[in-house]
C-alpha cells in the first residue's frame, strides 16, 4: 500500500512552510473527494463563460481523479459503489 499523507502548508510569501501532517485514511479520503468536487464545480462555472476552458478543466478533473485513485484505493472503491447505486 502506498503511504499517503496530507500536509497543511502555510505560505504568505516566499517559501511554503509545512505546519502539520495528517495520516488518517478517512481524512485523506475526505480531502481527496473535496478536491475533486471543487475541481468539478470550477469546470461547471467555466461552462457559462468559455466552452474551451470548461473542457480543459474537465480534463484536469479526470486527471486529478485518476491520480488520486492510484494512490488512494478507497477512493476508487467508493466511486465504483456510488456508480452502482445510481
Protein backbone atom coordinates (compact mmCIF):
# COMPACT_ATOMS: atom_id res chain seq x y z
CA UNK A 1 0.00 0.00 0.00
CA UNK A 2 1.19 3.47 -0.87
CA UNK A 3 1.85 5.82 2.02
CA UNK A 4 -0.37 8.88 1.63
CA UNK A 5 -0.50 11.90 3.92
CA UNK A 6 -1.96 15.38 3.83
CA UNK A 7 0.29 18.30 4.63
CA UNK A 8 -1.15 21.55 5.90
CA UNK A 9 1.02 24.26 4.39
CA UNK A 10 1.18 27.98 5.08
CA UNK A 11 2.55 30.43 2.54
CA UNK A 12 2.05 34.14 2.85
CA UNK A 13 5.11 34.96 0.77
CA UNK A 14 8.34 33.24 -0.02
CA UNK A 15 8.90 29.59 0.82
CA UNK A 16 5.93 27.46 1.94
CA UNK A 17 6.15 26.06 5.48
CA UNK A 18 4.61 22.71 6.44
CA UNK A 19 2.58 23.15 9.63
CA UNK A 20 1.15 19.66 10.12
CA UNK A 21 0.94 16.17 8.63
CA UNK A 22 -2.25 14.10 8.71
CA UNK A 23 -2.06 10.33 8.15
CA UNK A 24 -5.69 9.44 8.95
CA UNK A 25 -7.08 7.48 5.96
CA UNK A 26 -10.62 8.82 6.40
CA UNK A 27 -9.36 12.41 6.48
CA UNK A 28 -7.28 11.75 3.36
CA UNK A 29 -10.27 10.23 1.58
CA UNK A 30 -12.45 13.19 2.55
CA UNK A 31 -9.81 15.66 1.36
CA UNK A 32 -9.46 13.84 -1.97
CA UNK A 33 -13.23 13.86 -2.51
CA UNK A 34 -13.34 17.57 -1.64
CA UNK A 35 -10.54 18.33 -4.13
CA UNK A 36 -12.41 16.52 -6.90
CA UNK A 37 -15.69 18.24 -6.02
CA UNK A 38 -14.02 21.67 -6.08
CA UNK A 39 -12.42 20.96 -9.46
CA UNK A 40 -15.79 19.78 -10.84
CA UNK A 41 -17.52 22.92 -9.52
CA UNK A 42 -14.87 25.08 -11.18
CA UNK A 43 -15.47 23.29 -14.51
CA UNK A 44 -19.21 23.89 -14.20
CA UNK A 45 -18.65 27.59 -13.51
CA UNK A 46 -16.45 27.87 -16.58
CA UNK A 47 -19.11 26.34 -18.84
CA UNK A 48 -21.12 29.57 -18.72
CA UNK A 49 -18.10 31.67 -19.69
CA UNK A 50 -16.00 29.62 -22.08
CA UNK A 51 -16.59 26.13 -23.50
CA UNK A 52 -12.92 25.53 -24.32
CA UNK A 53 -11.73 26.44 -20.81
CA UNK A 54 -14.51 24.31 -19.34
CA UNK A 55 -13.40 21.33 -21.44
CA UNK A 56 -9.79 21.80 -20.32
CA UNK A 57 -10.93 21.98 -16.70
CA UNK A 58 -12.97 18.77 -17.10
CA UNK A 59 -9.81 17.11 -18.40
CA UNK A 60 -7.96 18.30 -15.31
CA UNK A 61 -10.76 16.90 -13.13
CA UNK A 62 -10.37 13.48 -14.75
CA UNK A 63 -6.59 13.61 -14.40
CA UNK A 64 -6.91 14.57 -10.72
CA UNK A 65 -9.43 11.78 -10.11
CA UNK A 66 -7.20 9.23 -11.85
CA UNK A 67 -4.09 10.27 -9.90
CA UNK A 68 -5.88 10.26 -6.56
CA UNK A 69 -7.45 6.86 -7.25
CA UNK A 70 -3.98 5.44 -7.95
CA UNK A 71 -2.70 6.34 -4.50
CA UNK A 72 -5.95 6.07 -2.53
CA UNK A 73 -7.62 2.74 -3.35
CA UNK A 74 -10.60 3.54 -1.10
CA UNK A 75 -11.47 6.43 -3.41
CA UNK A 76 -11.70 4.06 -6.38
CA UNK A 77 -13.84 1.63 -4.39
CA UNK A 78 -16.18 4.40 -3.21
CA UNK A 79 -16.56 5.74 -6.78
CA UNK A 80 -17.43 2.23 -8.01
CA UNK A 81 -20.05 1.68 -5.30
CA UNK A 82 -21.58 5.13 -5.89
CA UNK A 83 -21.87 4.44 -9.64
CA UNK A 84 -23.52 1.06 -8.94
CA UNK A 85 -26.18 2.74 -6.76
CA UNK A 86 -27.04 5.28 -9.46
